[in-house]
Amino acid sequence: MGKQVFGYSAVCLLCWVGIAEAQGQRADSLTVEVARRFAHELMELNAIPFMQPLVVTINAVSNARFFHSASIPRRVEHPYLRFGFHSMFGFIRGHQRTYVPRAPTDSVLRIEPYAEVQLVGGQPTLVIRDTAGLIASILRYLFYEGIRSDSIHLPERAATVFGYLPTAIELPRDYFIRR
């Protein structure tokens, strides 16, 4: 009986692992690297304007509360503790609800840092040193050209951490296929 249970368990485990492995899709390492680089550039341009109103508001509200109760006595005869109920209240101004979004763009297609042309047997050959960097450079150039030709649409305003705007970057598939 014990051997049968062990056998059934082993078969079920192998089937479960096989199904899980068959369903799992491996991410292409080049795609992951390009996505990381492009996302880093996109976040670098937009993270500060997106979060800055939160930082400014928290600092202003905190400073107002702490500054209001800060005092240094001239003379202390004995230590004391002060207890109280306090609150902090702040307002969000209208211009803190939106910002102008930016996309990573490059007006010149830069190949040199990522690849070089070498003569091999009298024929020019492109030797790629950094494939992910080259693809990211091409994407920056395509974004520049797409925005310039009005094929890629960036919203005029985007919501900060305090706002809400139903906007998105429009990336038409046919533009990238044509290019």
N, C-alpha and C. Protein backbone atom coordinates (compact mmCIF):
# COMPACT_ATOMS: atom_id res chain seq x y z
N MET A 1 0.83 -1.20 0.00
CA MET A 1 0.00 0.00 0.00
C MET A 1 0.87 1.25 0.00
N GLY A 2 1.92 1.26 0.85
CA GLY A 2 2.81 2.41 0.95
C GLY A 2 3.55 2.67 -0.35
N LYS A 3 3.93 1.57 -1.06
CA LYS A 3 4.63 1.73 -2.33
C LYS A 3 3.71 2.31 -3.39
N GLN A 4 2.42 1.92 -3.37
CA GLN A 4 1.47 2.44 -4.34
C GLN A 4 1.24 3.94 -4.13
N VAL A 5 1.09 4.36 -2.88
CA VAL A 5 0.88 5.78 -2.58
C VAL A 5 2.10 6.58 -3.02
N PHE A 6 3.29 6.03 -2.73
CA PHE A 6 4.52 6.71 -3.14
C PHE A 6 4.59 6.80 -4.66
N GLY A 7 4.24 5.72 -5.34
CA GLY A 7 4.27 5.70 -6.81
C GLY A 7 3.29 6.70 -7.41
N TYR A 8 2.05 6.71 -6.89
CA TYR A 8 1.06 7.69 -7.37
C TYR A 8 1.52 9.12 -7.09
N SER A 9 2.08 9.34 -5.93
CA SER A 9 2.57 10.68 -5.57
C SER A 9 3.69 11.12 -6.51
N ALA A 10 4.60 10.20 -6.81
CA ALA A 10 5.72 10.53 -7.70
C ALA A 10 5.21 10.84 -9.10
N VAL A 11 4.27 10.05 -9.61
CA VAL A 11 3.71 10.28 -10.94
C VAL A 11 2.98 11.63 -10.98
N CYS A 12 2.18 11.91 -9.95
CA CYS A 12 1.46 13.19 -9.89
C CYS A 12 2.43 14.36 -9.84
N LEU A 13 3.49 14.22 -9.05
CA LEU A 13 4.48 15.28 -8.94
C LEU A 13 5.17 15.52 -10.28
N LEU A 14 5.56 14.46 -10.96
CA LEU A 14 6.20 14.60 -12.26
C LEU A 14 5.26 15.24 -13.28
N CYS A 15 3.99 14.84 -13.27
CA CYS A 15 3.01 15.45 -14.18
C CYS A 15 2.84 16.93 -13.87
N TRP A 16 2.74 17.26 -12.58
CA TRP A 16 2.56 18.66 -12.18
C TRP A 16 3.76 19.50 -12.60
N VAL A 17 4.98 18.99 -12.37
CA VAL A 17 6.19 19.71 -12.76
C VAL A 17 6.26 19.85 -14.28
N GLY A 18 5.90 18.80 -15.00
CA GLY A 18 5.92 18.86 -16.46
C GLY A 18 4.94 19.87 -17.01
N ILE A 19 3.74 19.90 -16.45
CA ILE A 19 2.74 20.87 -16.90
C ILE A 19 3.19 22.29 -16.56
N ALA A 20 3.69 22.48 -15.35
CA ALA A 20 4.15 23.81 -14.94
C ALA A 20 5.30 24.28 -15.82
N GLU A 21 6.21 23.37 -16.16
CA GLU A 21 7.35 23.73 -17.00
C GLU A 21 6.91 24.03 -18.43
N ALA A 22 5.94 23.27 -18.92
CA ALA A 22 5.46 23.49 -20.29
C ALA A 22 4.72 24.82 -20.41
N GLN A 23 4.03 25.23 -19.35
CA GLN A 23 3.28 26.48 -19.40
C GLN A 23 4.16 27.69 -19.16
N GLY A 24 5.27 27.49 -18.51
CA GLY A 24 6.15 28.62 -18.21
C GLY A 24 6.81 29.14 -19.47
N GLN A 25 6.78 30.44 -19.65
CA GLN A 25 7.37 31.03 -20.84
C GLN A 25 8.63 31.77 -20.41
N ARG A 26 9.71 31.46 -21.02
CA ARG A 26 10.98 32.09 -20.68
C ARG A 26 11.07 33.46 -21.35
N ALA A 27 11.52 34.43 -20.58
CA ALA A 27 11.71 35.77 -21.13
C ALA A 27 13.04 35.82 -21.87
N ASP A 28 13.03 36.45 -23.02
CA ASP A 28 14.25 36.62 -23.79
C ASP A 28 15.13 37.63 -23.07
N SER A 29 16.37 37.28 -22.80
CA SER A 29 17.25 38.15 -22.01
C SER A 29 17.52 39.47 -22.71
N LEU A 30 17.58 39.49 -24.03
CA LEU A 30 17.79 40.74 -24.76
C LEU A 30 16.58 41.67 -24.60
N THR A 31 15.39 41.10 -24.71
CA THR A 31 14.17 41.89 -24.53
C THR A 31 14.11 42.47 -23.12
N VAL A 32 14.47 41.68 -22.14
CA VAL A 32 14.46 42.15 -20.75
C VAL A 32 15.45 43.31 -20.58
N GLU A 33 16.63 43.18 -21.15
CA GLU A 33 17.65 44.24 -21.02
C GLU A 33 17.22 45.52 -21.72
N VAL A 34 16.64 45.41 -22.92
CA VAL A 34 16.16 46.59 -23.64
C VAL A 34 15.03 47.25 -22.85
N ALA A 35 14.11 46.44 -22.33
CA ALA A 35 13.00 46.99 -21.54
C ALA A 35 13.53 47.70 -20.30
N ARG A 36 14.53 47.13 -19.65
CA ARG A 36 15.10 47.77 -18.46
C ARG A 36 15.74 49.11 -18.80
N ARG A 37 16.51 49.14 -19.86
CA ARG A 37 17.18 50.40 -20.24
C ARG A 37 16.18 51.47 -20.63
N PHE A 38 15.20 51.09 -21.45
CA PHE A 38 14.23 52.08 -21.90
C PHE A 38 13.34 52.53 -20.75
N ALA A 39 12.93 51.60 -19.89
CA ALA A 39 12.11 51.97 -18.73
C ALA A 39 12.90 52.87 -17.78
N HIS A 40 14.19 52.61 -17.62
CA HIS A 40 15.02 53.46 -16.77
C HIS A 40 15.05 54.89 -17.31
N GLU A 41 15.23 55.03 -18.62
CA GLU A 41 15.26 56.36 -19.22
C GLU A 41 13.90 57.05 -19.11
N LEU A 42 12.83 56.28 -19.32
CA LEU A 42 11.48 56.84 -19.22
C LEU A 42 11.19 57.29 -17.80
N MET A 43 11.56 56.47 -16.82
CA MET A 43 11.33 56.83 -15.41
C MET A 43 12.23 57.98 -14.98
N GLU A 44 13.44 58.02 -15.50
CA GLU A 44 14.36 59.10 -15.13
C GLU A 44 13.79 60.46 -15.55
N LEU A 45 13.11 60.51 -16.68
CA LEU A 45 12.53 61.75 -17.16
C LEU A 45 11.23 62.13 -16.45
N ASN A 46 10.48 61.14 -15.96
CA ASN A 46 9.14 61.42 -15.45
C ASN A 46 8.94 61.16 -13.96
N ALA A 47 9.84 60.47 -13.30
CA ALA A 47 9.63 60.13 -11.89
C ALA A 47 9.64 61.36 -10.99
N ILE A 48 10.58 62.27 -11.21
CA ILE A 48 10.66 63.46 -10.34
C ILE A 48 9.43 64.34 -10.50
N PRO A 49 9.01 64.71 -11.73
CA PRO A 49 7.79 65.52 -11.80
C PRO A 49 6.55 64.80 -11.28
N PHE A 50 6.53 63.47 -11.36
CA PHE A 50 5.38 62.70 -10.87
C PHE A 50 5.31 62.72 -9.34
N MET A 51 6.45 62.57 -8.66
CA MET A 51 6.47 62.46 -7.20
C MET A 51 6.76 63.76 -6.47
N GLN A 52 7.31 64.77 -7.12
CA GLN A 52 7.73 65.99 -6.44
C GLN A 52 6.60 66.68 -5.66
N PRO A 53 5.37 66.76 -6.16
CA PRO A 53 4.32 67.39 -5.35
C PRO A 53 4.09 66.69 -4.01
N LEU A 54 4.23 65.38 -3.96
CA LEU A 54 4.08 64.65 -2.70
C LEU A 54 5.17 65.05 -1.72
N VAL A 55 6.39 65.10 -2.19
CA VAL A 55 7.53 65.46 -1.33
C VAL A 55 7.37 66.89 -0.82
N VAL A 56 7.01 67.81 -1.69
CA VAL A 56 6.85 69.22 -1.30
C VAL A 56 5.74 69.35 -0.26
N THR A 57 4.62 68.68 -0.49
CA THR A 57 3.49 68.78 0.43
C THR A 57 3.81 68.17 1.79
N ILE A 58 4.42 67.01 1.80
CA ILE A 58 4.77 66.38 3.08
C ILE A 58 5.76 67.24 3.84
N ASN A 59 6.75 67.78 3.16
CA ASN A 59 7.73 68.64 3.84
C ASN A 59 7.07 69.90 4.38
N ALA A 60 6.21 70.53 3.61
CA ALA A 60 5.56 71.77 4.06
C ALA A 60 4.66 71.51 5.26
N VAL A 61 3.87 70.45 5.20
CA VAL A 61 2.96 70.14 6.30
C VAL A 61 3.75 69.75 7.55
N SER A 62 4.76 68.92 7.39
CA SER A 62 5.57 68.50 8.54
C SER A 62 6.30 69.68 9.15
N ASN A 63 6.90 70.50 8.32
CA ASN A 63 7.62 71.66 8.84
C ASN A 63 6.68 72.63 9.55
N ALA A 64 5.48 72.82 9.02
CA ALA A 64 4.52 73.72 9.66
C ALA A 64 4.15 73.20 11.05
N ARG A 65 3.95 71.92 11.20
CA ARG A 65 3.58 71.35 12.50
C ARG A 65 4.75 71.43 13.47
N PHE A 66 5.91 71.01 13.06
CA PHE A 66 7.05 70.98 13.98
C PHE A 66 7.53 72.38 14.31
N PHE A 67 7.50 73.27 13.35
CA PHE A 67 7.95 74.63 13.62
C PHE A 67 7.00 75.33 14.58
N HIS A 68 5.72 75.03 14.49
CA HIS A 68 4.73 75.67 15.35
C HIS A 68 4.98 75.35 16.82
N SER A 69 5.45 74.16 17.11
CA SER A 69 5.60 73.76 18.51
C SER A 69 7.05 73.78 18.98
N ALA A 70 7.98 74.17 18.15
CA ALA A 70 9.38 74.16 18.56
C ALA A 70 9.69 75.39 19.40
N SER A 71 10.27 75.16 20.54
CA SER A 71 10.72 76.28 21.39
C SER A 71 11.88 75.80 22.25
N ILE A 72 12.78 76.71 22.52
CA ILE A 72 13.92 76.41 23.38
C ILE A 72 13.83 77.34 24.59
N PRO A 73 13.60 76.78 25.78
CA PRO A 73 13.50 77.63 26.97
C PRO A 73 14.85 78.24 27.32
N ARG A 74 14.80 79.44 27.94
CA ARG A 74 16.05 80.09 28.35
C ARG A 74 16.72 79.32 29.48
N ARG A 75 15.90 78.86 30.42
CA ARG A 75 16.43 78.13 31.57
C ARG A 75 15.54 76.94 31.87
N VAL A 76 16.13 75.82 32.16
CA VAL A 76 15.37 74.63 32.49
C VAL A 76 15.66 74.28 33.94
N GLU A 77 14.62 74.36 34.76
CA GLU A 77 14.82 74.02 36.18
C GLU A 77 14.71 72.52 36.38
N HIS A 78 13.83 71.89 35.68
CA HIS A 78 13.72 70.43 35.75
C HIS A 78 13.15 69.93 34.43
N PRO A 79 13.52 68.72 34.04
CA PRO A 79 13.01 68.18 32.78
C PRO A 79 11.49 68.00 32.84
N TYR A 80 10.87 68.10 31.71
CA TYR A 80 9.42 67.91 31.66
C TYR A 80 9.04 67.22 30.35
N LEU A 81 7.89 66.61 30.36
CA LEU A 81 7.32 65.98 29.17
C LEU A 81 6.05 66.74 28.80
N ARG A 82 5.82 66.88 27.54
CA ARG A 82 4.64 67.58 27.07
C ARG A 82 3.83 66.63 26.20
N PHE A 83 2.59 66.44 26.52
CA PHE A 83 1.70 65.58 25.76
C PHE A 83 0.59 66.42 25.14
N GLY A 84 0.13 66.00 24.00
CA GLY A 84 -0.97 66.72 23.37
C GLY A 84 -1.46 65.98 22.14
N PHE A 85 -2.61 66.39 21.67
CA PHE A 85 -3.15 65.85 20.43
C PHE A 85 -2.95 66.90 19.35
N HIS A 86 -2.29 66.50 18.30
CA HIS A 86 -1.98 67.45 17.24
C HIS A 86 -2.34 66.83 15.90
N SER A 87 -2.51 67.68 14.93
CA SER A 87 -2.79 67.19 13.58
C SER A 87 -2.03 68.04 12.58
N MET A 88 -1.94 67.51 11.39
CA MET A 88 -1.31 68.24 10.30
C MET A 88 -2.31 68.26 9.14
N PHE A 89 -2.36 69.36 8.45
CA PHE A 89 -3.33 69.52 7.38
C PHE A 89 -2.66 70.27 6.24
N GLY A 90 -2.84 69.80 5.04
CA GLY A 90 -2.22 70.47 3.90
C GLY A 90 -3.16 70.52 2.71
N PHE A 91 -2.89 71.43 1.81
CA PHE A 91 -3.68 71.58 0.59
C PHE A 91 -2.82 71.22 -0.61
N ILE A 92 -3.48 70.69 -1.62
CA ILE A 92 -2.82 70.39 -2.89
C ILE A 92 -3.26 71.46 -3.88
N ARG A 93 -2.30 72.20 -4.39
CA ARG A 93 -2.62 73.24 -5.37
C ARG A 93 -2.88 72.60 -6.74
N GLY A 94 -3.59 73.31 -7.57
CA GLY A 94 -3.98 72.78 -8.88
C GLY A 94 -2.80 72.39 -9.76
N HIS A 95 -1.74 73.18 -9.74
CA HIS A 95 -0.59 72.87 -10.61
C HIS A 95 0.19 71.66 -10.10
N GLN A 96 -0.12 71.18 -8.89
CA GLN A 96 0.55 69.99 -8.37
C GLN A 96 -0.14 68.70 -8.80
N ARG A 97 -1.22 68.81 -9.52
CA ARG A 97 -1.97 67.62 -9.93
C ARG A 97 -1.55 67.08 -11.29
N THR A 98 -0.86 67.89 -12.09
CA THR A 98 -0.43 67.44 -13.41
C THR A 98 0.99 67.90 -13.70
N TYR A 99 1.59 67.28 -14.69
CA TYR A 99 2.91 67.67 -15.18
C TYR A 99 2.97 67.37 -16.68
N VAL A 100 4.01 67.87 -17.31
CA VAL A 100 4.20 67.63 -18.75
C VAL A 100 5.08 66.39 -18.91
N PRO A 101 4.54 65.29 -19.44
CA PRO A 101 5.35 64.07 -19.59
C PRO A 101 6.37 64.19 -20.72
N ARG A 102 7.45 63.46 -20.57
CA ARG A 102 8.51 63.46 -21.59
C ARG A 102 8.87 62.02 -21.93
N ALA A 103 9.32 61.83 -23.15
CA ALA A 103 9.75 60.50 -23.60
C ALA A 103 11.23 60.57 -23.95
N PRO A 104 11.96 59.47 -23.75
CA PRO A 104 13.37 59.46 -24.14
C PRO A 104 13.50 59.52 -25.65
N THR A 105 14.12 60.58 -26.14
CA THR A 105 14.29 60.76 -27.58
C THR A 105 15.73 61.13 -27.89
N ASP A 106 16.12 60.89 -29.11
CA ASP A 106 17.44 61.28 -29.59
C ASP A 106 17.30 61.65 -31.06
N SER A 107 17.70 62.87 -31.41
CA SER A 107 17.50 63.35 -32.78
C SER A 107 18.49 62.73 -33.77
N VAL A 108 19.53 62.10 -33.26
CA VAL A 108 20.54 61.47 -34.12
C VAL A 108 20.60 59.98 -33.76
N LEU A 109 20.56 59.14 -34.77
CA LEU A 109 20.69 57.70 -34.54
C LEU A 109 22.15 57.40 -34.23
N ARG A 110 22.44 57.07 -32.99
CA ARG A 110 23.81 56.84 -32.54
C ARG A 110 24.13 55.34 -32.60
N ILE A 111 25.03 54.99 -33.49
CA ILE A 111 25.43 53.59 -33.64
C ILE A 111 26.83 53.37 -33.08
N GLU A 112 27.67 54.40 -33.16
CA GLU A 112 29.09 54.24 -32.82
C GLU A 112 29.37 53.67 -31.42
N PRO A 113 28.70 54.10 -30.36
CA PRO A 113 29.05 53.51 -29.07
C PRO A 113 28.69 52.02 -28.96
N TYR A 114 27.77 51.56 -29.80
CA TYR A 114 27.25 50.20 -29.66
C TYR A 114 27.72 49.25 -30.75
N ALA A 115 28.20 49.79 -31.87
CA ALA A 115 28.63 48.95 -32.99
C ALA A 115 29.66 49.70 -33.81
N GLU A 116 30.39 48.95 -34.61
CA GLU A 116 31.37 49.58 -35.50
C GLU A 116 31.39 48.83 -36.83
N VAL A 117 31.75 49.54 -37.86
CA VAL A 117 31.85 48.94 -39.19
C VAL A 117 33.31 48.55 -39.42
N GLN A 118 33.53 47.28 -39.75
CA GLN A 118 34.87 46.78 -40.03
C GLN A 118 34.89 46.18 -41.43
N LEU A 119 36.05 46.26 -42.06
CA LEU A 119 36.22 45.63 -43.37
C LEU A 119 36.71 44.21 -43.16
N VAL A 120 35.91 43.26 -43.60
CA VAL A 120 36.26 41.85 -43.50
C VAL A 120 36.25 41.28 -44.91
N GLY A 121 37.44 40.95 -45.42
CA GLY A 121 37.55 40.42 -46.78
C GLY A 121 37.11 41.43 -47.82
N GLY A 122 37.36 42.70 -47.56
CA GLY A 122 36.99 43.76 -48.50
C GLY A 122 35.53 44.17 -48.43
N GLN A 123 34.76 43.52 -47.58
CA GLN A 123 33.33 43.83 -47.44
C GLN A 123 33.09 44.52 -46.09
N PRO A 124 32.32 45.60 -46.08
CA PRO A 124 31.99 46.23 -44.79
C PRO A 124 31.06 45.33 -43.98
N THR A 125 31.40 45.15 -42.72
CA THR A 125 30.62 44.30 -41.82
C THR A 125 30.34 45.08 -40.54
N LEU A 126 29.11 45.02 -40.09
CA LEU A 126 28.73 45.68 -38.85
C LEU A 126 29.00 44.74 -37.69
N VAL A 127 29.87 45.15 -36.78
CA VAL A 127 30.18 44.36 -35.59
C VAL A 127 29.48 45.02 -34.41
N ILE A 128 28.53 44.32 -33.82
CA ILE A 128 27.74 44.88 -32.72
C ILE A 128 28.40 44.50 -31.40
N ARG A 129 28.71 45.52 -30.60
CA ARG A 129 29.32 45.30 -29.28
C ARG A 129 28.27 45.24 -28.17
N ASP A 130 27.20 46.02 -28.32
CA ASP A 130 26.16 46.09 -27.29
C ASP A 130 24.80 46.10 -27.99
N THR A 131 24.21 44.93 -28.14
CA THR A 131 22.95 44.80 -28.87
C THR A 131 21.82 45.56 -28.17
N ALA A 132 21.72 45.41 -26.85
CA ALA A 132 20.65 46.09 -26.11
C ALA A 132 20.80 47.60 -26.22
N GLY A 133 22.02 48.10 -26.12
CA GLY A 133 22.26 49.54 -26.25
C GLY A 133 21.90 50.04 -27.63
N LEU A 134 22.22 49.27 -28.65
CA LEU A 134 21.90 49.65 -30.03
C LEU A 134 20.38 49.70 -30.23
N ILE A 135 19.67 48.71 -29.73
CA ILE A 135 18.21 48.69 -29.87
C ILE A 135 17.59 49.85 -29.09
N ALA A 136 18.09 50.13 -27.89
CA ALA A 136 17.58 51.26 -27.10
C ALA A 136 17.84 52.58 -27.83
N SER A 137 19.00 52.71 -28.47
CA SER A 137 19.31 53.91 -29.24
C SER A 137 18.36 54.05 -30.43
N ILE A 138 18.08 52.95 -31.10
CA ILE A 138 17.13 52.97 -32.21
C ILE A 138 15.73 53.36 -31.72
N LEU A 139 15.33 52.83 -30.56
CA LEU A 139 14.02 53.19 -30.00
C LEU A 139 13.94 54.68 -29.68
N ARG A 140 15.00 55.25 -29.10
CA ARG A 140 15.02 56.69 -28.81
C ARG A 140 14.87 57.50 -30.10
N TYR A 141 15.58 57.07 -31.13
CA TYR A 141 15.49 57.76 -32.43
C TYR A 141 14.08 57.62 -33.02
N LEU A 142 13.51 56.42 -32.95
CA LEU A 142 12.15 56.21 -33.47
C LEU A 142 11.14 57.05 -32.70
N PHE A 143 11.32 57.17 -31.39
CA PHE A 143 10.43 58.03 -30.61
C PHE A 143 10.56 59.48 -31.06
N TYR A 144 11.78 59.94 -31.27
CA TYR A 144 12.00 61.32 -31.72
C TYR A 144 11.30 61.56 -33.05
N GLU A 145 11.55 60.66 -34.01
CA GLU A 145 10.94 60.80 -35.34
C GLU A 145 9.42 60.69 -35.27
N GLY A 146 8.92 59.79 -34.45
CA GLY A 146 7.47 59.61 -34.32
C GLY A 146 6.78 60.82 -33.71
N ILE A 147 7.40 61.41 -32.70
CA ILE A 147 6.82 62.61 -32.08
C ILE A 147 6.91 63.79 -33.05
N ARG A 148 8.04 63.91 -33.73
CA ARG A 148 8.24 65.01 -34.68
C ARG A 148 7.24 64.93 -35.84
N SER A 149 6.99 63.72 -36.34
CA SER A 149 6.07 63.55 -37.46
C SER A 149 4.62 63.38 -37.01
N ASP A 150 4.37 63.51 -35.72
CA ASP A 150 3.03 63.40 -35.14
C ASP A 150 2.44 62.00 -35.29
N SER A 151 3.30 60.98 -35.38
CA SER A 151 2.83 59.60 -35.42
C SER A 151 2.68 59.04 -34.01
N ILE A 152 3.55 59.44 -33.11
CA ILE A 152 3.48 59.06 -31.70
C ILE A 152 2.96 60.26 -30.93
N HIS A 153 1.93 60.05 -30.14
CA HIS A 153 1.30 61.15 -29.42
C HIS A 153 1.55 61.03 -27.93
N LEU A 154 2.26 62.02 -27.39
CA LEU A 154 2.40 62.15 -25.94
C LEU A 154 1.27 63.04 -25.44
N PRO A 155 0.69 62.73 -24.30
CA PRO A 155 -0.34 63.63 -23.78
C PRO A 155 0.27 64.98 -23.40
N GLU A 156 -0.52 66.04 -23.55
CA GLU A 156 -0.02 67.37 -23.17
C GLU A 156 0.22 67.46 -21.68
N ARG A 157 -0.63 66.82 -20.90
CA ARG A 157 -0.50 66.81 -19.44
C ARG A 157 -0.71 65.37 -18.96
N ALA A 158 -0.04 65.02 -17.87
CA ALA A 158 -0.22 63.71 -17.24
C ALA A 158 -0.42 63.94 -15.75
N ALA A 159 -1.08 63.02 -15.10
CA ALA A 159 -1.38 63.16 -13.67
C ALA A 159 -0.15 62.89 -12.83
N THR A 160 -0.01 63.67 -11.76
CA THR A 160 1.02 63.38 -10.76
C THR A 160 0.43 62.38 -9.78
N VAL A 161 1.13 62.15 -8.70
CA VAL A 161 0.66 61.22 -7.68
C VAL A 161 -0.65 61.72 -7.06
N PHE A 162 -0.93 63.02 -7.14
CA PHE A 162 -2.15 63.58 -6.56
C PHE A 162 -3.30 63.72 -7.54
N GLY A 163 -3.05 63.55 -8.82
CA GLY A 163 -4.08 63.83 -9.81
C GLY A 163 -4.62 62.58 -10.48
N TYR A 164 -5.56 62.82 -11.39
CA TYR A 164 -6.11 61.75 -12.21
C TYR A 164 -6.42 62.32 -13.59
N LEU A 165 -5.83 61.76 -14.59
CA LEU A 165 -6.14 62.09 -15.97
C LEU A 165 -6.12 60.79 -16.77
N PRO A 166 -7.18 60.48 -17.48
CA PRO A 166 -7.18 59.25 -18.28
C PRO A 166 -6.42 59.46 -19.60
N THR A 167 -5.10 59.57 -19.50
CA THR A 167 -4.27 59.79 -20.68
C THR A 167 -3.30 58.63 -20.87
N ALA A 168 -2.76 58.54 -22.06
CA ALA A 168 -1.78 57.49 -22.35
C ALA A 168 -0.92 57.93 -23.53
N ILE A 169 0.23 57.33 -23.64
CA ILE A 169 1.08 57.53 -24.81
C ILE A 169 0.53 56.63 -25.91
N GLU A 170 0.30 57.19 -27.07
CA GLU A 170 -0.22 56.41 -28.20
C GLU A 170 0.95 55.96 -29.06
N LEU A 171 1.16 54.64 -29.11
CA LEU A 171 2.22 54.05 -29.92
C LEU A 171 1.58 53.23 -31.04
N PRO A 172 1.35 53.82 -32.20
CA PRO A 172 0.71 53.09 -33.28
C PRO A 172 1.61 51.98 -33.82
N ARG A 173 1.07 50.81 -33.87
CA ARG A 173 1.84 49.65 -34.33
C ARG A 173 2.32 49.82 -35.77
N ASP A 174 1.47 50.38 -36.62
CA ASP A 174 1.85 50.52 -38.03
C ASP A 174 3.04 51.47 -38.20
N TYR A 175 3.23 52.44 -37.30
CA TYR A 175 4.39 53.33 -37.39
C TYR A 175 5.68 52.52 -37.21
N PHE A 176 5.71 51.65 -36.22
CA PHE A 176 6.91 50.86 -35.97
C PHE A 176 7.13 49.82 -37.07
N ILE A 177 6.06 49.31 -37.64
CA ILE A 177 6.21 48.35 -38.75
C ILE A 177 6.78 49.05 -39.98
N ARG A 178 6.28 50.26 -40.27
CA ARG A 178 6.79 51.02 -41.42
C ARG A 178 8.25 51.38 -41.24
N ARG A 179 8.66 51.70 -40.06
CA ARG A 179 10.03 52.14 -39.81
C ARG A 179 10.96 50.96 -39.76
